[in-house]
């Protein structure tokens, strides 16, 4: 039963709002359990929550893990969730950025193999710090390897070199 709203007070949260908040905290707890150990160590969490997280990481039984996740979610209600949410988003943003760099390096490697000289000119124009002679050597070795249907060692070497140049 909802209490009456007194004049000048904000309205009390609805049952649906309370459920949404609880679900949000439960999702955050699940993410925290899956997060890297270094991240959890860096957060200032109560000892009880730390222990519950450590136990949840060790549990292998599905039913026991579900119960432990619910318990971690319950403990999360007593903590300020914003620093935890911010830390998890920072890790997620870093992972997305690294994925974007990786895919960009893959696209450049593929273009260098398919387009040849035209892609080399574009690559050196976009990345003037790149050693053109090394790029030509790696691209031609990878193309020759591809033409002879050999294992992709030179292609991997070209990818590592392109990734290093792109990544800084």
N, C-alpha and C. Protein backbone atom coordinates (compact mmCIF):
# COMPACT_ATOMS: atom_id res chain seq x y z
N UNK A 1 0.84 -1.15 0.00
CA UNK A 1 0.00 0.00 0.00
C UNK A 1 0.90 1.24 0.00
N UNK A 2 0.56 2.19 -0.84
CA UNK A 2 1.36 3.42 -0.93
C UNK A 2 0.93 4.39 0.15
N UNK A 3 1.91 5.12 0.67
CA UNK A 3 1.58 6.13 1.66
C UNK A 3 1.09 7.39 0.94
N UNK A 4 0.40 8.21 1.68
CA UNK A 4 -0.10 9.44 1.08
C UNK A 4 1.03 10.43 0.89
N UNK A 5 0.89 11.20 -0.13
CA UNK A 5 1.88 12.21 -0.41
C UNK A 5 1.54 13.48 0.38
N UNK A 6 2.51 13.94 1.14
CA UNK A 6 2.32 15.16 1.91
C UNK A 6 2.60 16.35 1.02
N UNK A 7 1.96 17.47 1.27
CA UNK A 7 2.21 18.66 0.43
C UNK A 7 3.69 19.06 0.46
N UNK A 8 4.24 19.35 -0.73
CA UNK A 8 5.63 19.76 -0.85
C UNK A 8 6.62 18.62 -0.97
N UNK A 9 6.19 17.41 -0.75
CA UNK A 9 7.07 16.25 -0.88
C UNK A 9 7.02 15.71 -2.30
N UNK A 10 8.14 15.13 -2.77
CA UNK A 10 8.06 14.47 -4.08
C UNK A 10 7.21 13.21 -3.96
N UNK A 11 6.59 12.80 -5.04
CA UNK A 11 5.76 11.59 -4.95
C UNK A 11 6.62 10.36 -4.67
N UNK A 12 6.09 9.41 -3.91
CA UNK A 12 6.87 8.19 -3.65
C UNK A 12 7.02 7.39 -4.93
N UNK A 13 8.08 6.58 -5.02
CA UNK A 13 8.27 5.79 -6.24
C UNK A 13 7.15 4.75 -6.41
N UNK A 14 6.81 4.51 -7.63
CA UNK A 14 5.78 3.51 -7.91
C UNK A 14 6.39 2.12 -7.79
N UNK A 15 5.54 1.13 -7.76
CA UNK A 15 5.99 -0.25 -7.65
C UNK A 15 6.85 -0.62 -8.86
N UNK A 16 6.43 -0.13 -10.04
CA UNK A 16 7.20 -0.39 -11.26
C UNK A 16 8.58 0.25 -11.23
N UNK A 17 8.65 1.47 -10.71
CA UNK A 17 9.95 2.14 -10.60
C UNK A 17 10.88 1.39 -9.65
N UNK A 18 10.35 0.91 -8.56
CA UNK A 18 11.14 0.13 -7.61
C UNK A 18 11.67 -1.15 -8.26
N UNK A 19 10.82 -1.80 -9.05
CA UNK A 19 11.24 -3.03 -9.74
C UNK A 19 12.32 -2.73 -10.78
N UNK A 20 12.16 -1.61 -11.51
CA UNK A 20 13.17 -1.24 -12.51
C UNK A 20 14.51 -0.96 -11.85
N UNK A 21 14.50 -0.26 -10.72
CA UNK A 21 15.74 0.01 -10.00
C UNK A 21 16.41 -1.28 -9.54
N UNK A 22 15.61 -2.20 -8.99
CA UNK A 22 16.14 -3.47 -8.52
C UNK A 22 16.72 -4.27 -9.68
N UNK A 23 16.05 -4.28 -10.83
CA UNK A 23 16.54 -5.01 -12.00
C UNK A 23 17.84 -4.38 -12.51
N UNK A 24 17.90 -3.06 -12.48
CA UNK A 24 19.11 -2.36 -12.91
C UNK A 24 20.29 -2.71 -12.01
N UNK A 25 20.06 -2.74 -10.70
CA UNK A 25 21.12 -3.12 -9.78
C UNK A 25 21.52 -4.58 -9.94
N UNK A 26 20.54 -5.44 -10.24
CA UNK A 26 20.85 -6.85 -10.46
C UNK A 26 21.72 -7.02 -11.71
N UNK A 27 21.39 -6.28 -12.78
CA UNK A 27 22.21 -6.33 -14.00
C UNK A 27 23.62 -5.83 -13.73
N UNK A 28 23.72 -4.78 -12.93
CA UNK A 28 25.03 -4.24 -12.56
C UNK A 28 25.82 -5.27 -11.75
N UNK A 29 25.15 -5.97 -10.86
CA UNK A 29 25.81 -7.01 -10.07
C UNK A 29 26.32 -8.13 -10.98
N UNK A 30 25.52 -8.53 -11.97
CA UNK A 30 25.95 -9.56 -12.91
C UNK A 30 27.18 -9.11 -13.69
N UNK A 31 27.19 -7.85 -14.12
CA UNK A 31 28.35 -7.31 -14.85
C UNK A 31 29.58 -7.28 -13.95
N UNK A 32 29.38 -6.94 -12.69
CA UNK A 32 30.48 -6.87 -11.74
C UNK A 32 31.09 -8.25 -11.49
N UNK A 33 30.25 -9.27 -11.48
CA UNK A 33 30.76 -10.63 -11.30
C UNK A 33 31.61 -11.03 -12.50
N UNK A 34 31.20 -10.63 -13.70
CA UNK A 34 31.92 -10.98 -14.92
C UNK A 34 33.11 -10.06 -15.20
N UNK A 35 33.22 -8.95 -14.48
CA UNK A 35 34.27 -7.95 -14.73
C UNK A 35 35.65 -8.51 -14.36
N UNK A 36 36.70 -7.94 -14.95
CA UNK A 36 38.06 -8.38 -14.59
C UNK A 36 38.35 -8.16 -13.10
N UNK A 37 39.13 -9.04 -12.54
CA UNK A 37 39.46 -8.98 -11.11
C UNK A 37 40.14 -7.67 -10.73
N UNK A 38 40.98 -7.14 -11.63
CA UNK A 38 41.68 -5.89 -11.36
C UNK A 38 40.70 -4.74 -11.15
N UNK A 39 39.62 -4.73 -11.92
CA UNK A 39 38.61 -3.69 -11.79
C UNK A 39 37.93 -3.75 -10.43
N UNK A 40 37.55 -4.94 -10.02
CA UNK A 40 36.86 -5.12 -8.74
C UNK A 40 37.80 -4.75 -7.59
N UNK A 41 39.06 -5.09 -7.71
CA UNK A 41 40.03 -4.76 -6.67
C UNK A 41 40.18 -3.25 -6.53
N UNK A 42 40.11 -2.52 -7.64
CA UNK A 42 40.27 -1.08 -7.62
C UNK A 42 39.09 -0.32 -7.05
N UNK A 43 37.94 -0.96 -6.96
CA UNK A 43 36.75 -0.29 -6.43
C UNK A 43 36.72 -0.38 -4.91
N UNK A 44 36.16 0.62 -4.29
CA UNK A 44 36.00 0.60 -2.84
C UNK A 44 34.64 -0.02 -2.52
N UNK A 45 34.66 -1.32 -2.26
CA UNK A 45 33.45 -2.06 -1.96
C UNK A 45 33.50 -2.57 -0.53
N UNK A 46 32.35 -2.74 0.10
CA UNK A 46 32.34 -3.35 1.44
C UNK A 46 32.89 -4.77 1.39
N UNK A 47 33.47 -5.19 2.49
CA UNK A 47 34.10 -6.51 2.56
C UNK A 47 33.10 -7.63 2.26
N UNK A 48 31.89 -7.49 2.73
CA UNK A 48 30.87 -8.51 2.51
C UNK A 48 30.57 -8.67 1.01
N UNK A 49 30.49 -7.55 0.30
CA UNK A 49 30.24 -7.59 -1.14
C UNK A 49 31.43 -8.18 -1.89
N UNK A 50 32.65 -7.82 -1.47
CA UNK A 50 33.86 -8.41 -2.08
C UNK A 50 33.87 -9.93 -1.94
N UNK A 51 33.56 -10.40 -0.73
CA UNK A 51 33.54 -11.84 -0.49
C UNK A 51 32.47 -12.53 -1.34
N UNK A 52 31.31 -11.90 -1.45
CA UNK A 52 30.22 -12.48 -2.25
C UNK A 52 30.61 -12.53 -3.73
N UNK A 53 31.30 -11.50 -4.21
CA UNK A 53 31.77 -11.51 -5.60
C UNK A 53 32.80 -12.60 -5.83
N UNK A 54 33.74 -12.73 -4.90
CA UNK A 54 34.78 -13.76 -5.03
C UNK A 54 34.15 -15.16 -5.04
N UNK A 55 33.17 -15.37 -4.19
CA UNK A 55 32.50 -16.67 -4.16
C UNK A 55 31.73 -16.92 -5.46
N UNK A 56 31.05 -15.90 -5.96
CA UNK A 56 30.29 -16.07 -7.21
C UNK A 56 31.20 -16.43 -8.38
N UNK A 57 32.42 -15.94 -8.37
CA UNK A 57 33.37 -16.27 -9.44
C UNK A 57 33.83 -17.72 -9.38
N UNK A 58 33.80 -18.31 -8.19
CA UNK A 58 34.26 -19.69 -8.03
C UNK A 58 33.16 -20.72 -8.24
N UNK A 59 31.92 -20.34 -8.10
CA UNK A 59 30.79 -21.29 -8.17
C UNK A 59 30.61 -21.79 -9.60
N UNK A 60 30.44 -23.08 -9.75
CA UNK A 60 30.23 -23.69 -11.07
C UNK A 60 28.82 -24.24 -11.25
N UNK A 61 28.13 -24.52 -10.15
CA UNK A 61 26.77 -25.03 -10.22
C UNK A 61 25.83 -23.91 -10.66
N UNK A 62 25.00 -24.19 -11.65
CA UNK A 62 24.12 -23.16 -12.21
C UNK A 62 23.16 -22.61 -11.15
N UNK A 63 22.49 -23.49 -10.43
CA UNK A 63 21.50 -23.06 -9.44
C UNK A 63 22.17 -22.26 -8.32
N UNK A 64 23.33 -22.71 -7.88
CA UNK A 64 24.04 -22.00 -6.81
C UNK A 64 24.51 -20.63 -7.30
N UNK A 65 24.91 -20.57 -8.55
CA UNK A 65 25.35 -19.29 -9.12
C UNK A 65 24.20 -18.30 -9.22
N UNK A 66 23.03 -18.78 -9.58
CA UNK A 66 21.84 -17.92 -9.66
C UNK A 66 21.53 -17.35 -8.27
N UNK A 67 21.57 -18.19 -7.24
CA UNK A 67 21.32 -17.72 -5.88
C UNK A 67 22.37 -16.70 -5.44
N UNK A 68 23.62 -16.98 -5.77
CA UNK A 68 24.69 -16.08 -5.37
C UNK A 68 24.58 -14.73 -6.09
N UNK A 69 24.19 -14.76 -7.36
CA UNK A 69 23.99 -13.51 -8.10
C UNK A 69 22.88 -12.68 -7.48
N UNK A 70 21.80 -13.34 -7.06
CA UNK A 70 20.71 -12.63 -6.38
C UNK A 70 21.19 -12.02 -5.06
N UNK A 71 22.05 -12.75 -4.37
CA UNK A 71 22.59 -12.24 -3.11
C UNK A 71 23.48 -11.01 -3.36
N UNK A 72 24.31 -11.08 -4.38
CA UNK A 72 25.16 -9.94 -4.73
C UNK A 72 24.28 -8.75 -5.10
N UNK A 73 23.21 -8.99 -5.84
CA UNK A 73 22.28 -7.92 -6.19
C UNK A 73 21.65 -7.30 -4.96
N UNK A 74 21.33 -8.12 -3.98
CA UNK A 74 20.76 -7.61 -2.73
C UNK A 74 21.78 -6.74 -1.99
N UNK A 75 23.03 -7.17 -1.97
CA UNK A 75 24.07 -6.38 -1.31
C UNK A 75 24.34 -5.07 -2.05
N UNK A 76 24.11 -5.07 -3.37
CA UNK A 76 24.35 -3.87 -4.17
C UNK A 76 23.37 -2.76 -3.81
N UNK A 77 22.23 -3.11 -3.26
CA UNK A 77 21.24 -2.09 -2.89
C UNK A 77 21.75 -1.17 -1.78
N UNK A 78 22.73 -1.64 -1.03
CA UNK A 78 23.25 -0.86 0.10
C UNK A 78 24.47 -0.02 -0.27
N UNK A 79 24.91 -0.10 -1.52
CA UNK A 79 26.12 0.60 -1.95
C UNK A 79 25.76 1.65 -2.99
N UNK A 80 26.60 2.68 -3.09
CA UNK A 80 26.43 3.67 -4.14
C UNK A 80 26.86 3.02 -5.45
N UNK A 81 25.94 2.90 -6.39
CA UNK A 81 26.23 2.15 -7.61
C UNK A 81 26.89 3.00 -8.70
N UNK A 82 26.89 4.31 -8.57
CA UNK A 82 27.41 5.15 -9.65
C UNK A 82 28.90 4.95 -9.91
N UNK A 83 29.79 4.89 -8.89
CA UNK A 83 31.20 4.63 -9.19
C UNK A 83 31.42 3.28 -9.87
N UNK A 84 30.64 2.28 -9.47
CA UNK A 84 30.75 0.95 -10.07
C UNK A 84 30.31 1.00 -11.52
N UNK A 85 29.18 1.66 -11.76
CA UNK A 85 28.66 1.79 -13.12
C UNK A 85 29.66 2.54 -14.01
N UNK A 86 30.26 3.61 -13.49
CA UNK A 86 31.23 4.40 -14.25
C UNK A 86 32.47 3.57 -14.58
N UNK A 87 32.95 2.79 -13.62
CA UNK A 87 34.13 1.95 -13.86
C UNK A 87 33.85 0.89 -14.92
N UNK A 88 32.68 0.26 -14.85
CA UNK A 88 32.32 -0.75 -15.84
C UNK A 88 32.16 -0.15 -17.23
N UNK A 89 31.59 1.05 -17.32
CA UNK A 89 31.44 1.72 -18.61
C UNK A 89 32.79 2.12 -19.19
N UNK A 90 33.73 2.53 -18.33
CA UNK A 90 35.07 2.89 -18.80
C UNK A 90 35.78 1.67 -19.39
N UNK A 91 35.64 0.53 -18.72
CA UNK A 91 36.24 -0.71 -19.24
C UNK A 91 35.59 -1.08 -20.57
N UNK A 92 34.28 -0.94 -20.64
CA UNK A 92 33.55 -1.26 -21.87
C UNK A 92 33.97 -0.34 -23.01
N UNK A 93 34.13 0.95 -22.71
CA UNK A 93 34.53 1.91 -23.74
C UNK A 93 35.94 1.61 -24.23
N UNK A 94 36.83 1.23 -23.33
CA UNK A 94 38.20 0.88 -23.71
C UNK A 94 38.20 -0.36 -24.61
N UNK A 95 37.39 -1.34 -24.26
CA UNK A 95 37.31 -2.56 -25.08
C UNK A 95 36.75 -2.24 -26.46
N UNK A 96 35.73 -1.37 -26.53
CA UNK A 96 35.17 -0.99 -27.83
C UNK A 96 36.21 -0.27 -28.68
N UNK A 97 36.99 0.61 -28.06
CA UNK A 97 38.02 1.34 -28.78
C UNK A 97 39.08 0.39 -29.33
N UNK A 98 39.48 -0.56 -28.51
CA UNK A 98 40.48 -1.54 -28.95
C UNK A 98 39.93 -2.40 -30.10
N UNK A 99 38.67 -2.76 -30.03
CA UNK A 99 38.04 -3.53 -31.10
C UNK A 99 38.00 -2.72 -32.39
N UNK A 100 37.68 -1.45 -32.28
CA UNK A 100 37.65 -0.59 -33.46
C UNK A 100 39.04 -0.49 -34.10
N UNK A 101 40.08 -0.34 -33.28
CA UNK A 101 41.46 -0.30 -33.81
C UNK A 101 41.82 -1.60 -34.51
N UNK A 102 41.44 -2.71 -33.88
CA UNK A 102 41.73 -4.02 -34.45
C UNK A 102 41.07 -4.17 -35.83
N UNK A 103 39.78 -3.82 -35.91
CA UNK A 103 39.06 -3.95 -37.18
C UNK A 103 39.61 -3.01 -38.23
N UNK A 104 40.05 -1.82 -37.81
CA UNK A 104 40.64 -0.89 -38.77
C UNK A 104 41.93 -1.47 -39.34
N UNK A 105 42.74 -2.07 -38.48
CA UNK A 105 43.98 -2.70 -38.94
C UNK A 105 43.66 -3.86 -39.90
N UNK A 106 42.64 -4.63 -39.60
CA UNK A 106 42.24 -5.73 -40.50
C UNK A 106 41.83 -5.20 -41.87
N UNK A 107 41.04 -4.12 -41.87
CA UNK A 107 40.60 -3.55 -43.16
C UNK A 107 41.79 -3.06 -43.97
N UNK A 108 42.73 -2.38 -43.31
CA UNK A 108 43.91 -1.90 -44.03
C UNK A 108 44.73 -3.07 -44.57
N UNK A 109 44.91 -4.12 -43.77
CA UNK A 109 45.67 -5.28 -44.24
C UNK A 109 45.01 -5.89 -45.47
N UNK A 110 43.70 -6.04 -45.43
CA UNK A 110 42.99 -6.62 -46.56
C UNK A 110 43.09 -5.73 -47.80
N UNK A 111 42.96 -4.42 -47.59
CA UNK A 111 43.10 -3.50 -48.72
C UNK A 111 44.50 -3.56 -49.31
N UNK A 112 45.52 -3.64 -48.46
CA UNK A 112 46.90 -3.71 -48.94
C UNK A 112 47.13 -4.98 -49.75
N UNK A 113 46.48 -6.06 -49.37
CA UNK A 113 46.63 -7.31 -50.11
C UNK A 113 45.88 -7.28 -51.44
N UNK A 114 44.68 -6.70 -51.45
CA UNK A 114 43.84 -6.74 -52.65
C UNK A 114 44.21 -5.62 -53.62
N UNK A 115 44.33 -4.39 -53.12
CA UNK A 115 44.53 -3.25 -54.01
C UNK A 115 45.99 -2.98 -54.34
N UNK A 116 46.90 -3.46 -53.54
CA UNK A 116 48.32 -3.31 -53.83
C UNK A 116 48.82 -1.88 -53.72
N UNK A 117 49.43 -1.38 -54.82
CA UNK A 117 50.11 -0.09 -54.82
C UNK A 117 49.17 1.07 -54.46
N UNK A 118 47.95 1.06 -54.93
CA UNK A 118 47.01 2.15 -54.62
C UNK A 118 46.75 2.24 -53.12
N UNK A 119 46.62 1.12 -52.47
CA UNK A 119 46.39 1.10 -51.02
C UNK A 119 47.65 1.53 -50.27
N UNK A 120 48.80 1.19 -50.79
CA UNK A 120 50.07 1.60 -50.16
C UNK A 120 50.19 3.11 -50.18
N UNK A 121 49.85 3.72 -51.32
CA UNK A 121 49.90 5.18 -51.44
C UNK A 121 48.93 5.82 -50.43
N UNK A 122 47.72 5.31 -50.35
CA UNK A 122 46.73 5.86 -49.41
C UNK A 122 47.19 5.67 -47.95
N UNK A 123 47.73 4.50 -47.67
CA UNK A 123 48.18 4.22 -46.29
C UNK A 123 49.29 5.17 -45.88
N UNK A 124 50.29 5.35 -46.74
CA UNK A 124 51.40 6.25 -46.40
C UNK A 124 50.94 7.71 -46.35
N UNK A 125 49.89 8.05 -47.11
CA UNK A 125 49.36 9.42 -47.02
C UNK A 125 48.65 9.62 -45.69
N UNK A 126 47.91 8.60 -45.24
CA UNK A 126 47.19 8.74 -43.97
C UNK A 126 48.12 8.61 -42.77
N UNK A 127 49.15 7.79 -42.90
CA UNK A 127 50.10 7.57 -41.80
C UNK A 127 51.51 7.90 -42.31
N UNK A 128 51.89 9.16 -42.31
CA UNK A 128 53.19 9.56 -42.86
C UNK A 128 54.38 8.99 -42.08
N UNK A 129 54.19 8.60 -40.83
CA UNK A 129 55.28 8.05 -40.04
C UNK A 129 55.62 6.62 -40.46
N UNK A 130 54.78 6.00 -41.28
CA UNK A 130 54.99 4.61 -41.70
C UNK A 130 56.18 4.51 -42.66
N UNK A 131 56.96 3.47 -42.49
CA UNK A 131 58.11 3.19 -43.36
C UNK A 131 57.59 2.56 -44.65
N UNK A 132 57.64 3.32 -45.73
CA UNK A 132 57.07 2.87 -47.00
C UNK A 132 57.78 1.62 -47.53
N UNK A 133 59.10 1.58 -47.43
CA UNK A 133 59.85 0.43 -47.94
C UNK A 133 59.46 -0.85 -47.20
N UNK A 134 59.30 -0.74 -45.89
CA UNK A 134 58.89 -1.91 -45.09
C UNK A 134 57.48 -2.34 -45.46
N UNK A 135 56.61 -1.37 -45.67
CA UNK A 135 55.23 -1.68 -46.06
C UNK A 135 55.19 -2.40 -47.41
N UNK A 136 55.95 -1.91 -48.36
CA UNK A 136 55.98 -2.55 -49.69
C UNK A 136 56.51 -3.97 -49.57
N UNK A 137 57.57 -4.15 -48.77
CA UNK A 137 58.15 -5.48 -48.60
C UNK A 137 57.13 -6.44 -47.97
N UNK A 138 56.48 -6.00 -46.90
CA UNK A 138 55.52 -6.86 -46.22
C UNK A 138 54.30 -7.17 -47.10
N UNK A 139 53.78 -6.16 -47.79
CA UNK A 139 52.61 -6.36 -48.64
C UNK A 139 52.92 -7.30 -49.80
N UNK A 140 54.09 -7.14 -50.42
CA UNK A 140 54.43 -8.03 -51.54
C UNK A 140 54.69 -9.45 -51.06
N UNK A 141 55.29 -9.61 -49.89
CA UNK A 141 55.51 -10.96 -49.35
C UNK A 141 54.18 -11.62 -49.05
N UNK A 142 53.24 -10.88 -48.48
CA UNK A 142 51.93 -11.44 -48.16
C UNK A 142 51.16 -11.77 -49.44
N UNK A 143 51.26 -10.92 -50.45
CA UNK A 143 50.58 -11.18 -51.72
C UNK A 143 51.16 -12.40 -52.41
N UNK A 144 52.49 -12.53 -52.39
CA UNK A 144 53.14 -13.70 -52.99
C UNK A 144 52.74 -14.98 -52.25
N UNK A 145 52.70 -14.88 -50.96
CA UNK A 145 52.30 -16.02 -50.14
C UNK A 145 50.86 -16.43 -50.47
N UNK A 146 50.02 -15.45 -50.64
CA UNK A 146 48.61 -15.70 -50.97
C UNK A 146 48.49 -16.33 -52.37
N UNK A 147 49.28 -15.85 -53.31
CA UNK A 147 49.23 -16.37 -54.69
C UNK A 147 49.68 -17.83 -54.74
N UNK A 148 50.66 -18.18 -53.90
CA UNK A 148 51.17 -19.56 -53.90
C UNK A 148 50.37 -20.47 -52.98
N UNK A 149 49.32 -19.90 -52.34
CA UNK A 149 48.46 -20.68 -51.44
C UNK A 149 49.25 -21.32 -50.30
N UNK A 150 50.09 -20.49 -49.68
CA UNK A 150 50.93 -20.93 -48.57
C UNK A 150 50.32 -20.49 -47.24
N UNK A 151 50.81 -21.00 -46.13
CA UNK A 151 50.32 -20.54 -44.82
C UNK A 151 50.53 -19.03 -44.67
N UNK A 152 49.70 -18.40 -43.86
CA UNK A 152 49.61 -16.94 -43.81
C UNK A 152 50.58 -16.27 -42.84
N UNK A 153 51.83 -16.66 -42.82
CA UNK A 153 52.80 -16.05 -41.89
C UNK A 153 53.07 -14.60 -42.27
N UNK A 154 53.29 -14.32 -43.54
CA UNK A 154 53.58 -12.95 -43.97
C UNK A 154 52.35 -12.06 -43.80
N UNK A 155 51.18 -12.62 -43.99
CA UNK A 155 49.94 -11.87 -43.81
C UNK A 155 49.79 -11.44 -42.34
N UNK A 156 50.12 -12.35 -41.43
CA UNK A 156 50.07 -12.02 -40.00
C UNK A 156 51.11 -10.97 -39.64
N UNK A 157 52.28 -11.09 -40.24
CA UNK A 157 53.33 -10.10 -39.98
C UNK A 157 52.91 -8.72 -40.50
N UNK A 158 52.29 -8.68 -41.66
CA UNK A 158 51.78 -7.42 -42.20
C UNK A 158 50.72 -6.84 -41.26
N UNK A 159 49.84 -7.67 -40.76
CA UNK A 159 48.80 -7.21 -39.84
C UNK A 159 49.42 -6.62 -38.58
N UNK A 160 50.39 -7.31 -37.99
CA UNK A 160 51.04 -6.80 -36.77
C UNK A 160 51.71 -5.45 -37.04
N UNK A 161 52.34 -5.31 -38.19
CA UNK A 161 53.02 -4.06 -38.53
C UNK A 161 52.00 -2.93 -38.72
N UNK A 162 50.93 -3.22 -39.45
CA UNK A 162 49.88 -2.21 -39.67
C UNK A 162 49.25 -1.80 -38.34
N UNK A 163 49.00 -2.76 -37.50
CA UNK A 163 48.38 -2.47 -36.19
C UNK A 163 49.30 -1.59 -35.34
N UNK A 164 50.59 -1.87 -35.41
CA UNK A 164 51.54 -1.05 -34.65
C UNK A 164 51.55 0.38 -35.18
N UNK A 165 51.53 0.56 -36.49
CA UNK A 165 51.56 1.89 -37.07
C UNK A 165 50.26 2.64 -36.74
N UNK A 166 49.15 1.97 -36.84
CA UNK A 166 47.86 2.61 -36.56
C UNK A 166 47.71 2.94 -35.08
N UNK A 167 48.10 1.99 -34.23
CA UNK A 167 47.95 2.17 -32.79
C UNK A 167 48.87 3.19 -32.20
N UNK A 168 49.89 3.55 -32.90
CA UNK A 168 50.81 4.58 -32.39
C UNK A 168 52.01 3.96 -31.92
